Amino acid sequence: MRQKRAKSYRKQMLVYNHTFKFRQPYQVLVDDQLVLETFNSSFDLVKGLKRTLQAEVKPMITQCCMQQLYESRNQGAIDAAKEFERRRCNHNPKDPKSAEECLLSVVNVNGKNKHRYVVATQDVEIRRKLRKVPGVPLVYMNRSVMVMEPLSTASEKVSQEVENAKLYKGLNDAKYAGIAHNEEEAEEKGDGSQENKPKKRKGPKEPNPLSMKKKKKVASTSGSGEAGDHNGDSNTASSANGETSSAKRRRRRHRKASEEAAAAEAAQAAQEAAATATADQS
């Protein structure tokens, strides 16, 4: 395939992908005439479809088109068509429809290509009628070369409408941006999930408490306590802990003084007793 033609085919398929939601592998409906044409010219139909659409394909054939092949009695073409996936058209197998009626009934569903089929046919009348249906890629053989038709007028019109809707509504309307849709869902739920959710705190996170070193407790000494007692008026910041420690220290000093007084009295009594004892001996 020439580079220029391959580029135009790629652009066409992008339009079908974005506007009409085509997805790979593409479903390709083939008719009996195309199968006969490719078999007689020794053309690989599946490889040709992959090369033309530049993607993976899933060839399909309807039961009515298969019945037309049986009537042709071309065993090679019949065997080739049996490898394709069979598409149910819901027509009576005993009274099959023509390929034109069958393909039109399958592809044209209420004026749309509902199932997103790529139609590969040699019938000119089928292609002419399917051009009126938007979003139908058409493929056919032209002198042993597989060709894809350019976008039809109906497809171009729908594509232009979709692009205009994206341009004017997608940028200015919150509905197309997804904002209003999310708000409506929250209102329908009615559980107040958005209101009850805690707000995320911005800024640096606090460190992991398990990874931090524990604070060492500073042991209070007597010297520092006494200095704190002398400078109690100037250091008013040491409130409860300082007061309790000074009270304890005061109690300790009172005990010490009483003990010293008792010892002095005991010593004085001992001296007096000794003095009286010496006086009695003399």
C-alpha atoms as a PDB file:
ATOM      1  CA  MET A   1       0.000   0.000   0.000  1.00  0.00           C
ATOM      2  CA  ARG A   2       1.257   3.420  -0.885  1.00  0.00           C
ATOM      3  CA  GLN A   3       2.179   5.721   1.976  1.00  0.00           C
ATOM      4  CA  LYS A   4      -0.251   8.474   0.981  1.00  0.00           C
ATOM      5  CA  ARG A   5      -3.202   6.072   0.802  1.00  0.00           C
ATOM      6  CA  ALA A   6      -2.242   4.416   4.081  1.00  0.00           C
ATOM      7  CA  LYS A   7      -2.126   7.807   5.797  1.00  0.00           C
ATOM      8  CA  SER A   8      -5.598   8.751   4.551  1.00  0.00           C
ATOM      9  CA  TYR A   9      -7.001   5.381   5.694  1.00  0.00           C
ATOM     10  CA  ARG A  10      -5.469   5.900   9.128  1.00  0.00           C
ATOM     11  CA  LYS A  11      -7.101   9.321   9.434  1.00  0.00           C
ATOM     12  CA  GLN A  12     -10.463   7.899   8.413  1.00  0.00           C
ATOM     13  CA  MET A  13     -10.295   5.157  11.017  1.00  0.00           C
ATOM     14  CA  LEU A  14      -9.389   7.734  13.677  1.00  0.00           C
ATOM     15  CA  VAL A  15     -12.614   9.555  12.857  1.00  0.00           C
ATOM     16  CA  TYR A  16     -14.580   6.322  13.222  1.00  0.00           C
ATOM     17  CA  ASN A  17     -12.791   5.603  16.514  1.00  0.00           C
ATOM     18  CA  HIS A  18     -13.378   8.999  18.120  1.00  0.00           C
ATOM     19  CA  THR A  19     -16.787   9.856  16.689  1.00  0.00           C
ATOM     20  CA  PHE A  20     -18.510   6.474  16.336  1.00  0.00           C
ATOM     21  CA  LYS A  21     -16.613   4.553  19.075  1.00  0.00           C
ATOM     22  CA  PHE A  22     -15.118   1.810  16.887  1.00  0.00           C
ATOM     23  CA  ARG A  23     -12.800  -0.548  18.766  1.00  0.00           C
ATOM     24  CA  GLN A  24     -10.276  -3.170  17.771  1.00  0.00           C
ATOM     25  CA  PRO A  25     -10.539  -5.840  16.555  1.00  0.00           C
ATOM     26  CA  TYR A  26     -12.875  -4.358  13.939  1.00  0.00           C
ATOM     27  CA  GLN A  27     -15.899  -6.468  12.999  1.00  0.00           C
ATOM     28  CA  VAL A  28     -15.872  -6.772   9.204  1.00  0.00           C
ATOM     29  CA  LEU A  29     -18.974  -8.055   7.410  1.00  0.00           C
ATOM     30  CA  VAL A  30     -18.080  -9.608   4.045  1.00  0.00           C
ATOM     31  CA  ASP A  31     -20.514 -10.650   1.333  1.00  0.00           C
ATOM     32  CA  ASP A  32     -20.393 -13.620  -1.029  1.00  0.00           C
ATOM     33  CA  GLN A  33     -19.212 -11.572  -4.026  1.00  0.00           C
ATOM     34  CA  LEU A  34     -16.108 -10.325  -2.228  1.00  0.00           C
ATOM     35  CA  VAL A  35     -15.213 -13.850  -1.094  1.00  0.00           C
ATOM     36  CA  LEU A  36     -15.522 -15.122  -4.678  1.00  0.00           C
ATOM     37  CA  GLU A  37     -13.515 -12.180  -6.046  1.00  0.00           C
ATOM     38  CA  THR A  38     -10.638 -12.640  -3.609  1.00  0.00           C
ATOM     39  CA  PHE A  39     -10.564 -16.413  -4.109  1.00  0.00           C
ATOM     40  CA  ASN A  40     -10.493 -16.156  -7.903  1.00  0.00           C
ATOM     41  CA  SER A  41      -7.670 -13.592  -7.786  1.00  0.00           C
ATOM     42  CA  SER A  42      -5.720 -15.572  -5.121  1.00  0.00           C
ATOM     43  CA  PHE A  43      -5.935 -12.625  -2.762  1.00  0.00           C
ATOM     44  CA  ASP A  44      -5.650 -13.204   1.009  1.00  0.00           C
ATOM     45  CA  LEU A  45      -8.800 -11.531   2.292  1.00  0.00           C
ATOM     46  CA  VAL A  46      -7.868 -11.413   5.990  1.00  0.00           C
ATOM     47  CA  LYS A  47      -4.382  -9.996   5.387  1.00  0.00           C
ATOM     48  CA  GLY A  48      -5.802  -7.459   2.963  1.00  0.00           C
ATOM     49  CA  LEU A  49      -8.338  -6.277   5.539  1.00  0.00           C
ATOM     50  CA  LYS A  50      -5.641  -5.955   8.216  1.00  0.00           C
ATOM     51  CA  ARG A  51      -3.413  -4.016   5.849  1.00  0.00           C
ATOM     52  CA  THR A  52      -6.222  -1.689   4.745  1.00  0.00           C
ATOM     53  CA  LEU A  53      -7.669  -0.984   8.202  1.00  0.00           C
ATOM     54  CA  GLN A  54      -4.189  -1.114   9.800  1.00  0.00           C
ATOM     55  CA  ALA A  55      -5.499  -3.037  12.798  1.00  0.00           C
ATOM     56  CA  GLU A  56      -6.695  -6.448  13.915  1.00  0.00           C
ATOM     57  CA  VAL A  57      -9.940  -7.562  12.283  1.00  0.00           C
ATOM     58  CA  LYS A  58     -12.665 -10.119  12.928  1.00  0.00           C
ATOM     59  CA  PRO A  59     -14.131 -11.278   9.572  1.00  0.00           C
ATOM     60  CA  MET A  60     -17.829 -12.179   9.746  1.00  0.00           C
ATOM     61  CA  ILE A  61     -20.351 -13.482   7.227  1.00  0.00           C
ATOM     62  CA  THR A  62     -24.119 -13.775   7.469  1.00  0.00           C
ATOM     63  CA  GLN A  63     -26.069 -16.981   6.977  1.00  0.00           C
ATOM     64  CA  CYS A  64     -27.786 -15.605   3.858  1.00  0.00           C
ATOM     65  CA  CYS A  65     -24.442 -14.722   2.210  1.00  0.00           C
ATOM     66  CA  MET A  66     -23.191 -18.178   3.102  1.00  0.00           C
ATOM     67  CA  GLN A  67     -26.220 -19.686   1.401  1.00  0.00           C
ATOM     68  CA  GLN A  68     -25.374 -17.678  -1.738  1.00  0.00           C
ATOM     69  CA  LEU A  69     -21.890 -19.196  -1.684  1.00  0.00           C
ATOM     70  CA  TYR A  70     -23.340 -22.697  -1.429  1.00  0.00           C
ATOM     71  CA  GLU A  71     -25.382 -21.990  -4.527  1.00  0.00           C
ATOM     72  CA  SER A  72     -22.241 -20.905  -6.419  1.00  0.00           C
ATOM     73  CA  ARG A  73     -20.729 -24.401  -5.828  1.00  0.00           C
ATOM     74  CA  ASN A  74     -17.229 -22.919  -5.495  1.00  0.00           C
ATOM     75  CA  GLN A  75     -15.771 -25.229  -2.881  1.00  0.00           C
ATOM     76  CA  GLY A  76     -12.591 -23.198  -2.365  1.00  0.00           C
ATOM     77  CA  ALA A  77     -14.534 -20.019  -1.622  1.00  0.00           C
ATOM     78  CA  ILE A  78     -16.912 -21.984   0.621  1.00  0.00           C
ATOM     79  CA  ASP A  79     -14.025 -23.402   2.644  1.00  0.00           C
ATOM     80  CA  ALA A  80     -12.482 -19.940   2.983  1.00  0.00           C
ATOM     81  CA  ALA A  81     -15.786 -18.452   4.178  1.00  0.00           C
ATOM     82  CA  LYS A  82     -16.283 -21.241   6.741  1.00  0.00           C
ATOM     83  CA  GLU A  83     -13.272 -19.930   8.641  1.00  0.00           C
ATOM     84  CA  PHE A  84     -15.061 -16.638   9.285  1.00  0.00           C
ATOM     85  CA  GLU A  85     -17.325 -16.037  12.252  1.00  0.00           C
ATOM     86  CA  ARG A  86     -20.988 -16.650  11.448  1.00  0.00           C
ATOM     87  CA  ARG A  87     -23.253 -13.642  11.997  1.00  0.00           C
ATOM     88  CA  ARG A  88     -26.856 -14.488  12.807  1.00  0.00           C
ATOM     89  CA  CYS A  89     -29.248 -12.443  10.691  1.00  0.00           C
ATOM     90  CA  ASN A  90     -32.437 -14.128  12.015  1.00  0.00           C
ATOM     91  CA  HIS A  91     -33.627 -14.916   8.489  1.00  0.00           C
ATOM     92  CA  ASN A  92     -35.210 -18.215   7.552  1.00  0.00           C
ATOM     93  CA  PRO A  93     -32.456 -20.512   6.197  1.00  0.00           C
ATOM     94  CA  LYS A  94     -34.989 -22.251   3.948  1.00  0.00           C
ATOM     95  CA  ASP A  95     -35.932 -18.908   2.407  1.00  0.00           C
ATOM     96  CA  PRO A  96     -32.687 -16.838   2.517  1.00  0.00           C
ATOM     97  CA  LYS A  97     -32.676 -13.163   1.639  1.00  0.00           C
ATOM     98  CA  SER A  98     -30.410 -11.575  -0.922  1.00  0.00           C
ATOM     99  CA  ALA A  99     -27.052 -10.229   0.229  1.00  0.00           C
ATOM    100  CA  GLU A 100     -28.316  -6.668  -0.157  1.00  0.00           C
ATOM    101  CA  GLU A 101     -31.395  -7.152   2.049  1.00  0.00           C
ATOM    102  CA  CYS A 102     -29.494  -9.187   4.595  1.00  0.00           C
ATOM    103  CA  LEU A 103     -26.588  -6.755   5.052  1.00  0.00           C
ATOM    104  CA  LEU A 104     -28.855  -3.722   5.179  1.00  0.00           C
ATOM    105  CA  SER A 105     -31.031  -5.288   7.871  1.00  0.00           C
ATOM    106  CA  VAL A 106     -27.974  -6.178   9.971  1.00  0.00           C
ATOM    107  CA  VAL A 107     -26.047  -2.917   9.597  1.00  0.00           C
ATOM    108  CA  ASN A 108     -28.782  -0.280   9.377  1.00  0.00           C
ATOM    109  CA  VAL A 109     -30.534  -0.383  12.775  1.00  0.00           C
ATOM    110  CA  ASN A 110     -32.850   2.640  13.086  1.00  0.00           C
ATOM    111  CA  GLY A 111     -30.613   4.690  10.812  1.00  0.00           C
ATOM    112  CA  LYS A 112     -27.416   3.926  12.748  1.00  0.00           C
ATOM    113  CA  ASN A 113     -24.584   1.428  12.582  1.00  0.00           C
ATOM    114  CA  LYS A 114     -25.443   0.164  16.058  1.00  0.00           C
ATOM    115  CA  HIS A 115     -22.986  -2.750  16.145  1.00  0.00           C
ATOM    116  CA  ARG A 116     -20.122  -0.808  14.472  1.00  0.00           C
ATOM    117  CA  TYR A 117     -19.553  -3.022  11.459  1.00  0.00           C
ATOM    118  CA  VAL A 118     -17.053  -2.451   8.679  1.00  0.00           C
ATOM    119  CA  VAL A 119     -18.754  -3.624   5.458  1.00  0.00           C
ATOM    120  CA  ALA A 120     -16.603  -5.228   2.765  1.00  0.00           C
ATOM    121  CA  THR A 121     -18.694  -5.806  -0.353  1.00  0.00           C
ATOM    122  CA  GLN A 122     -18.410  -5.774  -4.139  1.00  0.00           C
ATOM    123  CA  ASP A 123     -22.065  -4.861  -4.631  1.00  0.00           C
ATOM    124  CA  VAL A 124     -22.323  -1.235  -5.809  1.00  0.00           C
ATOM    125  CA  GLU A 125     -25.968  -0.962  -4.760  1.00  0.00           C
ATOM    126  CA  ILE A 126     -25.195  -2.041  -1.197  1.00  0.00           C
ATOM    127  CA  ARG A 127     -22.436   0.560  -0.921  1.00  0.00           C
ATOM    128  CA  ARG A 128     -24.690   3.278  -2.337  1.00  0.00           C
ATOM    129  CA  LYS A 129     -27.416   2.611   0.277  1.00  0.00           C
ATOM    130  CA  LEU A 130     -24.984   2.278   3.173  1.00  0.00           C
ATOM    131  CA  ARG A 131     -23.434   5.658   2.401  1.00  0.00           C
ATOM    132  CA  LYS A 132     -26.633   7.204   3.778  1.00  0.00           C
ATOM    133  CA  VAL A 133     -26.021   5.543   7.152  1.00  0.00           C
ATOM    134  CA  PRO A 134     -23.472   7.489   9.241  1.00  0.00           C
ATOM    135  CA  GLY A 135     -20.479   5.623  10.600  1.00  0.00           C
ATOM    136  CA  VAL A 136     -20.184   2.737   8.102  1.00  0.00           C
ATOM    137  CA  PRO A 137     -16.673   2.160   6.661  1.00  0.00           C
ATOM    138  CA  LEU A 138     -16.927   0.598   3.194  1.00  0.00           C
ATOM    139  CA  VAL A 139     -14.240  -1.622   1.655  1.00  0.00           C
ATOM    140  CA  TYR A 140     -14.137  -3.203  -1.808  1.00  0.00           C
ATOM    141  CA  MET A 141     -11.705  -4.671  -4.357  1.00  0.00           C
ATOM    142  CA  ASN A 142     -10.550  -2.593  -7.319  1.00  0.00           C
ATOM    143  CA  ARG A 143      -8.341  -4.471  -9.793  1.00  0.00           C
ATOM    144  CA  SER A 144      -6.806  -6.775  -7.174  1.00  0.00           C
ATOM    145  CA  VAL A 145      -6.273  -3.864  -4.792  1.00  0.00           C
ATOM    146  CA  MET A 146      -8.344  -3.457  -1.636  1.00  0.00           C
ATOM    147  CA  VAL A 147      -9.685   0.070  -1.320  1.00  0.00           C
ATOM    148  CA  MET A 148     -11.579   1.877   1.428  1.00  0.00           C
ATOM    149  CA  GLU A 149     -14.056   4.554   0.456  1.00  0.00           C
ATOM    150  CA  PRO A 150     -13.617   8.064   1.880  1.00  0.00           C
ATOM    151  CA  LEU A 151     -15.968   9.353   4.559  1.00  0.00           C
ATOM    152  CA  SER A 152     -19.525   9.668   3.322  1.00  0.00           C
ATOM    153  CA  THR A 153     -21.471  12.911   3.574  1.00  0.00           C
ATOM    154  CA  ALA A 154     -23.588  11.545   6.440  1.00  0.00           C
ATOM    155  CA  SER A 155     -20.497  10.487   8.401  1.00  0.00           C
ATOM    156  CA  GLU A 156     -18.796  13.845   7.866  1.00  0.00           C
ATOM    157  CA  LYS A 157     -21.881  15.680   9.078  1.00  0.00           C
ATOM    158  CA  VAL A 158     -22.095  13.684  12.312  1.00  0.00           C
ATOM    159  CA  SER A 159     -18.355  14.058  12.897  1.00  0.00           C
ATOM    160  CA  GLN A 160     -18.558  17.818  12.460  1.00  0.00           C
ATOM    161  CA  GLU A 161     -21.471  18.054  14.902  1.00  0.00           C
ATOM    162  CA  VAL A 162     -19.562  16.072  17.512  1.00  0.00           C
ATOM    163  CA  GLU A 163     -16.478  18.258  17.142  1.00  0.00           C
ATOM    164  CA  ASN A 164     -18.551  21.433  17.449  1.00  0.00           C
ATOM    165  CA  ALA A 165     -20.205  20.066  20.586  1.00  0.00           C
ATOM    166  CA  LYS A 166     -16.783  19.397  22.106  1.00  0.00           C
ATOM    167  CA  LEU A 167     -15.587  22.881  21.208  1.00  0.00           C
ATOM    168  CA  TYR A 168     -18.521  24.904  22.524  1.00  0.00           C
ATOM    169  CA  LYS A 169     -19.811  22.705  25.332  1.00  0.00           C
ATOM    170  CA  GLY A 170     -16.788  20.809  26.530  1.00  0.00           C
ATOM    171  CA  LEU A 171     -14.875  23.912  27.584  1.00  0.00           C
ATOM    172  CA  ASN A 172     -17.719  26.038  28.967  1.00  0.00           C
ATOM    173  CA  ASP A 173     -20.266  23.570  30.325  1.00  0.00           C
ATOM    174  CA  ALA A 174     -19.466  21.853  33.637  1.00  0.00           C
ATOM    175  CA  LYS A 175     -21.608  18.892  32.621  1.00  0.00           C
ATOM    176  CA  TYR A 176     -19.165  17.898  29.887  1.00  0.00           C
ATOM    177  CA  ALA A 177     -16.187  18.425  32.165  1.00  0.00           C
ATOM    178  CA  GLY A 178     -17.550  15.873  34.680  1.00  0.00           C
ATOM    179  CA  ILE A 179     -18.044  18.337  37.561  1.00  0.00           C
ATOM    180  CA  ALA A 180     -21.825  18.477  37.547  1.00  0.00           C
ATOM    181  CA  HIS A 181     -22.045  14.734  37.028  1.00  0.00           C
ATOM    182  CA  ASN A 182     -20.074  14.054  40.206  1.00  0.00           C
ATOM    183  CA  GLU A 183     -22.183  16.534  42.177  1.00  0.00           C
ATOM    184  CA  GLU A 184     -25.405  14.895  41.016  1.00  0.00           C
ATOM    185  CA  GLU A 185     -24.121  11.481  42.082  1.00  0.00           C
ATOM    186  CA  ALA A 186     -23.276  12.839  45.545  1.00  0.00           C
ATOM    187  CA  GLU A 187     -26.749  14.365  45.887  1.00  0.00           C
ATOM    188  CA  GLU A 188     -28.426  11.133  44.819  1.00  0.00           C
ATOM    189  CA  LYS A 189     -26.533   9.164  47.423  1.00  0.00           C
ATOM    190  CA  GLY A 190     -27.557  11.645  50.128  1.00  0.00           C
ATOM    191  CA  ASP A 191     -25.176  10.186  52.667  1.00  0.00           C
ATOM    192  CA  GLY A 192     -23.199  13.408  53.061  1.00  0.00           C
ATOM    193  CA  SER A 193     -20.029  11.553  52.284  1.00  0.00           C
ATOM    194  CA  GLN A 194     -18.316  14.654  50.923  1.00  0.00           C
ATOM    195  CA  GLU A 195     -19.288  16.794  53.932  1.00  0.00           C
ATOM    196  CA  ASN A 196     -18.255  14.199  56.527  1.00  0.00           C
ATOM    197  CA  LYS A 197     -14.927  13.504  54.925  1.00  0.00           C
ATOM    198  CA  PRO A 198     -12.091  15.117  56.925  1.00  0.00           C
ATOM    199  CA  LYS A 199     -10.145  17.726  55.049  1.00  0.00           C
ATOM    200  CA  LYS A 200      -6.666  16.720  54.144  1.00  0.00           C
ATOM    201  CA  ARG A 201      -4.024  18.654  55.995  1.00  0.00           C
ATOM    202  CA  LYS A 202      -1.681  20.590  53.765  1.00  0.00           C
ATOM    203  CA  GLY A 203       1.963  21.082  54.548  1.00  0.00           C
ATOM    204  CA  PRO A 204       4.727  18.847  55.895  1.00  0.00           C
ATOM    205  CA  LYS A 205       3.694  15.812  57.858  1.00  0.00           C
ATOM    206  CA  GLU A 206       4.694  15.211  61.460  1.00  0.00           C
ATOM    207  CA  PRO A 207       7.559  12.785  62.072  1.00  0.00           C
ATOM    208  CA  ASN A 208       6.941   9.216  63.021  1.00  0.00           C
ATOM    209  CA  PRO A 209       6.822   9.088  66.846  1.00  0.00           C
ATOM    210  CA  LEU A 210       8.439   5.647  66.858  1.00  0.00           C
ATOM    211  CA  SER A 211      11.502   6.997  65.056  1.00  0.00           C
ATOM    212  CA  MET A 212      12.014   9.880  67.487  1.00  0.00           C
ATOM    213  CA  LYS A 213      14.324   9.754  70.514  1.00  0.00           C
ATOM    214  CA  LYS A 214      12.673   9.908  73.892  1.00  0.00           C
ATOM    215  CA  LYS A 215      13.204  13.072  75.928  1.00  0.00           C
ATOM    216  CA  LYS A 216      15.523  12.622  78.904  1.00  0.00           C
ATOM    217  CA  LYS A 217      14.130  13.726  82.268  1.00  0.00           C
ATOM    218  CA  VAL A 218      16.440  16.231  84.024  1.00  0.00           C
ATOM    219  CA  ALA A 219      17.034  15.226  87.698  1.00  0.00           C
ATOM    220  CA  SER A 220      16.646  18.150  90.106  1.00  0.00           C
ATOM    221  CA  THR A 221      19.600  18.537  92.519  1.00  0.00           C
ATOM    222  CA  SER A 222      19.623  20.149  95.947  1.00  0.00           C
ATOM    223  CA  GLY A 223      21.923  22.940  94.830  1.00  0.00           C
ATOM    224  CA  SER A 224      19.680  23.905  92.028  1.00  0.00           C
ATOM    225  CA  GLY A 225      16.733  23.731  94.396  1.00  0.00           C
ATOM    226  CA  GLU A 226      18.378  26.055  96.888  1.00  0.00           C
ATOM    227  CA  ALA A 227      19.379  28.460  94.137  1.00  0.00           C
ATOM    228  CA  GLY A 228      15.806  28.353  92.981  1.00  0.00           C
ATOM    229  CA  ASP A 229      14.655  29.147  96.508  1.00  0.00           C
ATOM    230  CA  HIS A 230      16.939  32.197  96.791  1.00  0.00           C
ATOM    231  CA  ASN A 231      15.902  33.436  93.362  1.00  0.00           C
ATOM    232  CA  GLY A 232      12.230  32.646  93.788  1.00  0.00           C
ATOM    233  CA  ASP A 233      11.096  36.216  93.362  1.00  0.00           C
ATOM    234  CA  SER A 234      12.971  36.710  90.113  1.00  0.00           C
ATOM    235  CA  ASN A 235      12.032  33.330  88.559  1.00  0.00           C
ATOM    236  CA  THR A 236       8.235  33.324  88.746  1.00  0.00           C
ATOM    237  CA  ALA A 237       7.994  30.846  85.832  1.00  0.00           C
ATOM    238  CA  SER A 238       8.704  27.768  88.029  1.00  0.00           C
ATOM    239  CA  SER A 239       5.241  27.331  89.499  1.00  0.00           C
ATOM    240  CA  ALA A 240       3.931  24.039  90.844  1.00  0.00           C
ATOM    241  CA  ASN A 241       6.961  21.762  90.574  1.00  0.00           C
ATOM    242  CA  GLY A 242       9.271  24.378  92.141  1.00  0.00           C
ATOM    243  CA  GLU A 243       6.892  25.015  95.020  1.00  0.00           C
ATOM    244  CA  THR A 244       6.490  21.351  95.869  1.00  0.00           C
ATOM    245  CA  SER A 245      10.242  20.711  95.762  1.00  0.00           C
ATOM    246  CA  SER A 246      11.006  23.756  97.977  1.00  0.00           C
ATOM    247  CA  ALA A 247       8.336  22.658 100.452  1.00  0.00           C
ATOM    248  CA  LYS A 248       9.875  19.228 100.674  1.00  0.00           C
ATOM    249  CA  ARG A 249      13.292  20.749 101.217  1.00  0.00           C
ATOM    250  CA  ARG A 250      11.938  23.054 103.961  1.00  0.00           C
ATOM    251  CA  ARG A 251      10.472  20.064 105.724  1.00  0.00           C
ATOM    252  CA  ARG A 252      13.830  18.351 105.563  1.00  0.00           C
ATOM    253  CA  ARG A 253      15.569  21.419 107.089  1.00  0.00           C
ATOM    254  CA  HIS A 254      13.018  21.617 109.947  1.00  0.00           C
ATOM    255  CA  ARG A 255      13.616  17.971 110.752  1.00  0.00           C
ATOM    256  CA  LYS A 256      17.351  18.566 110.757  1.00  0.00           C
ATOM    257  CA  ALA A 257      17.076  21.539 113.177  1.00  0.00           C
ATOM    258  CA  SER A 258      14.856  19.644 115.606  1.00  0.00           C
ATOM    259  CA  GLU A 259      17.248  16.736 115.609  1.00  0.00           C
ATOM    260  CA  GLU A 260      20.188  19.064 116.286  1.00  0.00           C
ATOM    261  CA  ALA A 261      18.274  20.741 119.140  1.00  0.00           C
ATOM    262  CA  ALA A 262      17.413  17.377 120.653  1.00  0.00           C
ATOM    263  CA  ALA A 263      21.036  16.288 120.405  1.00  0.00           C
ATOM    264  CA  ALA A 264      22.214  19.528 122.039  1.00  0.00           C
ATOM    265  CA  GLU A 265      19.712  19.115 124.862  1.00  0.00           C
ATOM    266  CA  ALA A 266      20.827  15.505 125.326  1.00  0.00           C
ATOM    267  CA  ALA A 267      24.454  16.557 125.419  1.00  0.00           C
ATOM    268  CA  GLN A 268      23.700  19.343 127.907  1.00  0.00           C
ATOM    269  CA  ALA A 269      21.766  16.907 130.099  1.00  0.00           C
ATOM    270  CA  ALA A 270      24.636  14.468 129.960  1.00  0.00           C
ATOM    271  CA  GLN A 271      27.075  17.209 131.048  1.00  0.00           C
ATOM    272  CA  GLU A 272      24.830  18.204 133.914  1.00  0.00           C
ATOM    273  CA  ALA A 273      24.502  14.582 134.991  1.00  0.00           C
ATOM    274  CA  ALA A 274      28.256  14.147 134.889  1.00  0.00           C
ATOM    275  CA  ALA A 275      28.747  17.325 136.905  1.00  0.00           C
ATOM    276  CA  THR A 276      26.333  16.220 139.576  1.00  0.00           C
ATOM    277  CA  ALA A 277      27.984  12.814 139.712  1.00  0.00           C
ATOM    278  CA  THR A 278      31.429  14.311 140.311  1.00  0.00           C
ATOM    279  CA  ALA A 279      30.003  16.599 142.981  1.00  0.00           C
ATOM    280  CA  ASP A 280      28.501  13.665 144.843  1.00  0.00           C
ATOM    281  CA  GLN A 281      31.792  11.751 144.756  1.00  0.00           C
ATOM    282  CA  SER A 282      33.713  14.655 146.186  1.00  0.00           C
END
